[in-house]
Amino acid sequence: YAEPVTVVEDTGDRLVVFTKSGTPTKWSWVDWGTGEFDGPRDHVWSRTDVLKILEVDKGYAIWLMWEENGGLSCNGTSTCRRRSNTEFCRDGDHSLDIVIAPDRRWRWKDEGDFERIQALGWVTQSEAEGIRKAGEDVIPMVDRGEAPFCEPWTDWKPDPLWSVPEVPSDWDDPAA
């Protein structure tokens, strides 16, 4: 998977990026029955604009999505880390998400997909427990209105002059 983004904030341990609906990406689809991947192939992110808050050594990423309810979505991902001064890596999507409404009510999402990645052997039981714990660690932050849930990101708007970035031609070259 590769997704070009616009950097909104970079403090070293925290990176906030913006993906505009219509952004070209490289994306893999999974057949949940067989566990086979199709891709990566060209794809256009078109669901919604999204602001992603990524923090080093956290087992999650916060996605602010402009959808019907304008709610915050906490995406259950593996640990984010910095690979260089310019590269911030999120190892993958572990399928277990928390959807957070504007009033901070939350619910688990994609628990069936999370169970399936365990059945397919994509994560060990220990890893699955860590993924679930990362989500459980977020819930008190939401309930107490801690950062980033107390920050004004829901009021943030992208610069209307920002262009849609392209996937670089060397996106899959680890030496680039």
Protein backbone atom coordinates (compact mmCIF):
# COMPACT_ATOMS: atom_id res chain seq x y z
CA TYR A 1 0.00 0.00 0.00
CA ALA A 2 1.22 3.47 -0.83
CA GLU A 3 -0.59 6.73 -0.27
CA PRO A 4 0.75 10.19 -1.04
CA VAL A 5 -0.29 12.74 1.59
CA THR A 6 0.01 16.40 2.46
CA VAL A 7 1.87 17.00 5.73
CA VAL A 8 -0.11 19.26 8.10
CA GLU A 9 2.09 18.93 11.21
CA ASP A 10 5.37 17.18 11.95
CA THR A 11 6.75 17.39 15.49
CA GLY A 12 9.12 14.42 15.27
CA ASP A 13 7.07 12.02 17.37
CA ARG A 14 3.77 13.04 15.81
CA LEU A 15 2.82 13.41 12.18
CA VAL A 16 -0.52 14.76 10.96
CA VAL A 17 -1.27 14.19 7.29
CA PHE A 18 -4.16 14.94 4.97
CA THR A 19 -5.55 12.73 2.20
CA LYS A 20 -8.03 14.38 -0.14
CA SER A 21 -10.78 12.36 -1.72
CA GLY A 22 -9.58 11.69 -5.27
CA THR A 23 -5.97 10.95 -4.27
CA PRO A 24 -4.35 8.16 -6.34
CA THR A 25 -2.92 5.31 -4.24
CA LYS A 26 -1.57 1.80 -4.57
CA TRP A 27 -3.93 -0.57 -2.83
CA SER A 28 -4.28 -4.32 -2.23
CA TRP A 29 -7.62 -6.03 -1.86
CA VAL A 30 -8.02 -9.13 0.24
CA ASP A 31 -10.34 -12.06 -0.43
CA TRP A 32 -11.49 -12.73 3.12
CA GLY A 33 -12.51 -16.29 2.23
CA THR A 34 -9.11 -17.41 0.98
CA GLY A 35 -6.83 -14.76 2.49
CA GLU A 36 -5.36 -14.06 -0.96
CA PHE A 37 -4.25 -10.53 -1.86
CA ASP A 38 -4.91 -8.87 -5.20
CA GLY A 39 -2.45 -6.05 -5.64
CA PRO A 40 -1.02 -3.66 -5.02
CA ARG A 41 -2.71 -1.96 -7.94
CA ASP A 42 -3.80 1.54 -8.89
CA HIS A 43 -6.67 2.86 -6.80
CA VAL A 44 -8.20 6.24 -6.07
CA TRP A 45 -9.11 7.08 -2.46
CA SER A 46 -12.63 8.39 -2.89
CA ARG A 47 -14.53 7.61 0.29
CA THR A 48 -13.96 10.94 2.06
CA ASP A 49 -11.28 13.49 2.93
CA VAL A 50 -9.29 12.23 5.91
CA LEU A 51 -6.86 13.74 8.40
CA LYS A 52 -4.59 11.14 10.02
CA ILE A 53 -2.81 11.65 13.33
CA LEU A 54 0.11 9.23 13.63
CA GLU A 55 2.29 8.99 16.73
CA VAL A 56 5.53 7.07 17.17
CA ASP A 57 5.24 3.90 19.28
CA LYS A 58 1.45 4.01 19.48
CA GLY A 59 -0.50 0.97 18.37
CA TYR A 60 -3.10 3.07 16.59
CA ALA A 61 -3.65 6.00 14.30
CA ILE A 62 -6.46 8.52 14.66
CA TRP A 63 -8.40 9.24 11.47
CA LEU A 64 -10.68 12.25 11.30
CA MET A 65 -13.09 11.60 8.48
CA TRP A 66 -15.58 14.04 7.02
CA GLU A 67 -18.54 11.71 6.65
CA GLU A 68 -22.23 11.90 7.46
CA ASN A 69 -21.59 12.28 11.18
CA GLY A 70 -18.21 14.04 10.88
CA GLY A 71 -16.95 11.69 13.58
CA LEU A 72 -13.48 10.64 14.59
CA SER A 73 -12.38 7.18 13.61
CA CYS A 74 -9.63 5.46 15.55
CA ASN A 75 -7.99 3.07 13.13
CA GLY A 76 -6.52 -0.02 14.79
CA THR A 77 -3.07 -0.27 13.25
CA SER A 78 0.31 -1.58 14.13
CA THR A 79 2.92 0.61 15.73
CA CYS A 80 3.97 3.72 13.80
CA ARG A 81 7.67 4.43 13.56
CA ARG A 82 9.99 6.86 11.84
CA ARG A 83 12.29 5.30 9.25
CA SER A 84 14.07 8.56 8.36
CA ASN A 85 13.61 12.31 8.75
CA THR A 86 11.15 12.25 5.87
CA GLU A 87 9.51 8.85 6.18
CA PHE A 88 6.93 7.85 8.75
CA CYS A 89 5.81 4.24 8.52
CA ARG A 90 2.60 2.59 9.60
CA ASP A 91 3.14 -1.13 9.27
CA GLY A 92 -0.40 -2.09 8.35
CA ASP A 93 -4.07 -2.10 9.16
CA HIS A 94 -4.98 -4.75 11.68
CA SER A 95 -8.68 -4.57 10.87
CA LEU A 96 -9.97 -3.65 14.33
CA ASP A 97 -11.23 -0.08 14.47
CA ILE A 98 -13.04 2.13 16.92
CA VAL A 99 -15.51 4.57 15.42
CA ILE A 100 -15.96 7.69 17.54
CA ALA A 101 -18.91 10.03 17.05
CA PRO A 102 -18.64 13.83 17.55
CA ASP A 103 -20.18 13.44 21.04
CA ARG A 104 -17.36 10.92 21.79
CA ARG A 105 -19.65 7.89 21.86
CA TRP A 106 -17.62 5.01 20.46
CA ARG A 107 -18.13 1.52 19.08
CA TRP A 108 -15.91 -1.29 17.82
CA LYS A 109 -15.89 -1.82 14.03
CA ASP A 110 -14.72 -4.73 11.85
CA GLU A 111 -14.48 -7.29 14.64
CA GLY A 112 -15.29 -10.03 12.12
CA ASP A 113 -12.32 -8.99 9.96
CA PHE A 114 -10.14 -8.93 13.09
CA GLU A 115 -11.19 -12.50 13.94
CA ARG A 116 -10.51 -13.54 10.34
CA ILE A 117 -6.91 -12.22 10.31
CA GLN A 118 -6.31 -14.33 13.40
CA ALA A 119 -7.88 -17.42 11.79
CA LEU A 120 -5.74 -16.87 8.68
CA GLY A 121 -2.62 -16.76 10.89
CA TRP A 122 -1.71 -13.21 9.88
CA VAL A 123 -1.27 -12.30 13.55
CA THR A 124 -0.41 -14.46 16.53
CA GLN A 125 -2.61 -14.62 19.60
CA SER A 126 -0.11 -12.41 21.41
CA GLU A 127 -0.17 -9.85 18.57
CA ALA A 128 -3.99 -9.94 18.52
CA GLU A 129 -4.05 -9.27 22.26
CA GLY A 130 -1.72 -6.29 21.71
CA ILE A 131 -3.91 -4.92 18.93
CA ARG A 132 -7.03 -5.21 21.11
CA LYS A 133 -5.17 -3.61 24.03
CA ALA A 134 -4.11 -0.66 21.85
CA GLY A 135 -7.77 -0.02 21.10
CA GLU A 136 -8.72 -0.48 24.73
CA ASP A 137 -6.02 2.06 25.68
CA VAL A 138 -7.69 4.64 23.41
CA ILE A 139 -11.17 4.28 24.94
CA PRO A 140 -10.32 6.05 28.27
CA MET A 141 -8.61 8.82 26.26
CA VAL A 142 -11.85 9.30 24.32
CA ASP A 143 -14.01 9.16 27.47
CA ARG A 144 -11.83 11.72 29.27
CA GLY A 145 -11.44 13.95 26.20
CA GLU A 146 -7.64 13.67 26.20
CA ALA A 147 -5.40 14.60 23.28
CA PRO A 148 -5.98 14.35 20.41
CA PHE A 149 -9.70 14.15 21.19
CA CYS A 150 -9.66 17.54 22.95
CA GLU A 151 -7.73 19.25 20.16
CA PRO A 152 -9.46 21.40 17.54
CA TRP A 153 -8.90 18.95 14.65
CA THR A 154 -12.65 18.64 14.05
CA ASP A 155 -12.62 22.36 13.13
CA TRP A 156 -9.53 22.08 10.93
CA LYS A 157 -9.95 22.69 7.20
CA PRO A 158 -7.44 21.95 4.41
CA ASP A 159 -6.12 24.78 2.29
CA PRO A 160 -8.40 24.79 -0.78
CA LEU A 161 -5.34 25.53 -2.98
CA TRP A 162 -3.59 22.27 -2.04
CA SER A 163 -3.16 19.99 -5.03
CA VAL A 164 -3.75 16.26 -4.98
CA PRO A 165 -0.34 14.53 -4.72
CA GLU A 166 0.67 11.67 -7.00
CA VAL A 167 2.15 8.32 -6.00
CA PRO A 168 5.90 8.63 -6.77
CA SER A 169 7.21 6.28 -9.47
CA ASP A 170 9.68 4.75 -6.96
CA TRP A 171 7.03 4.13 -4.29
CA ASP A 172 7.98 0.46 -3.91
CA ASP A 173 11.78 0.94 -3.91
CA PRO A 174 13.03 0.47 -0.31
CA ALA A 175 16.24 2.35 -1.17
CA ALA A 176 14.38 5.47 -2.37
